[in-house]
Amino acid sequence: MSNLNKLFPYEAPSKKVTAKMCDINGHMNVAYYLETFDVYSRSLFESLGFSQDYFTQGFSCFAIEDNIRYLKEFLDGESMYPRFRIHDYNHKLIHIVGVLLNKDGELSSISETIVAHIDMNQRLTVNMPQTLLQKVEVVSIEHCKKGPLNFDLRLSLRKK
């Protein structure tokens, strides 16, 4: 695999493209890119503390903005290798970047998502509690220590 493995230290399980996932053009439909990024990033968020227990306490996270770039197509039967990193954060938001690599370790798709910390009772964005914020900070620092990304990002967070 490529240098991207180092830059994206959170490795999700590989996923095989099925005929059902392909459109009339014979490649994976865009809806399945979003689904793959969403489903396979969940365990990263759970490891940060966004668990069922946290939801029961009245908190969650919502994706508030996404950007996906399609660089190389995936065909029926090919395997995708999803990888993620926390690129940035502030008291209320997390900027996660994901990539899908092909079997040769080539960058096939880039996903950026801005996630907001939500008080479910108010359904409003609120500051993360200090313990959660510290965990996000530690993971973000570890991920970013792996090196700068070798492509431009489209989304960003405002610093307060």
Foldseek 3Di string as FASTA:
>chain_A
DDLVCLLFVAWFDKDAAAPVQDDPVQFGDPVVVVVCVVVRCVVVVVVLPQDPVVVVVQKHKDWDDKDKDFAATHGHGWMWIKTKAFQDADQFKTWMKMFIATPVRDTGMIMITIMTIARNVVRDGDGDPPSSVVSSVVRRVSSPVSDDDPDDDDDDDDDD
